[in-house]
Protein backbone atom coordinates (compact mmCIF):
# COMPACT_ATOMS: atom_id res chain seq x y z
CA UNK A 1 119.75 111.53 167.47
CA UNK A 2 117.28 110.46 170.17
CA UNK A 3 113.82 111.92 170.56
CA UNK A 4 113.12 114.22 173.53
CA UNK A 5 110.01 115.15 175.46
CA UNK A 6 109.41 118.85 176.13
CA UNK A 7 107.81 120.58 179.08
CA UNK A 8 104.51 120.48 177.19
CA UNK A 9 104.17 116.82 178.27
CA UNK A 10 100.88 116.19 180.10
CA UNK A 11 102.06 112.83 181.53
CA UNK A 12 99.32 110.84 179.82
CA UNK A 13 101.61 107.87 179.08
CA UNK A 14 100.51 107.42 175.46
CA UNK A 15 104.11 107.52 174.25
CA UNK A 16 105.42 104.94 176.74
CA UNK A 17 102.91 102.36 175.59
CA UNK A 18 103.92 102.83 171.96
CA UNK A 19 107.73 102.66 172.35
CA UNK A 20 108.91 99.35 170.84
CA UNK A 21 112.09 99.26 172.95
CA UNK A 22 110.76 100.54 176.29
CA UNK A 23 112.92 103.67 176.25
CA UNK A 24 110.24 105.90 177.79
CA UNK A 25 109.49 106.05 181.49
CA UNK A 26 107.67 108.30 183.92
CA UNK A 27 109.98 110.99 185.25
CA UNK A 28 109.51 113.77 187.77
CA UNK A 29 106.47 115.62 186.47
CA UNK A 30 106.66 114.33 182.89
CA UNK A 31 107.76 111.34 180.87
CA UNK A 32 111.39 111.02 179.76
CA UNK A 33 113.20 109.17 176.98
CA UNK A 34 116.38 107.20 177.67
CA UNK A 35 118.61 108.48 174.84
CA UNK A 36 120.84 105.40 175.02
CA UNK A 37 117.89 103.06 174.44
CA UNK A 38 116.00 105.18 171.87
CA UNK A 39 116.20 103.76 168.33
CA UNK A 40 114.92 106.96 166.64
CA UNK A 41 111.82 105.34 165.19
CA UNK A 42 109.51 108.30 165.98
CA UNK A 43 106.57 106.16 167.04
CA UNK A 44 106.33 108.07 170.30
CA UNK A 45 106.06 111.43 168.54
CA UNK A 46 103.11 110.17 166.52
CA UNK A 47 101.37 108.94 169.67
CA UNK A 48 101.71 112.17 171.65
CA UNK A 49 98.35 114.01 171.73
CA UNK A 50 99.96 117.39 172.50
CA UNK A 51 103.00 117.25 170.20
CA UNK A 52 105.48 117.32 173.09
CA UNK A 53 107.95 114.91 171.46
CA UNK A 54 110.49 115.89 168.85
CA UNK A 55 113.78 114.68 167.49
CA UNK A 56 116.51 116.06 169.75
């Protein structure tokens, strides 16, 4: 199951830089994860300073 970014996202971009497959991009008001590209590694969740990323 892919990871998801909640509304708590502050759009800092920390997660996008850590994603090994480039599945995270800047969306409208917050970053988003492409579920089809996500490999469920969880690296993004560890990089998020506000805990806005969880396994969906």
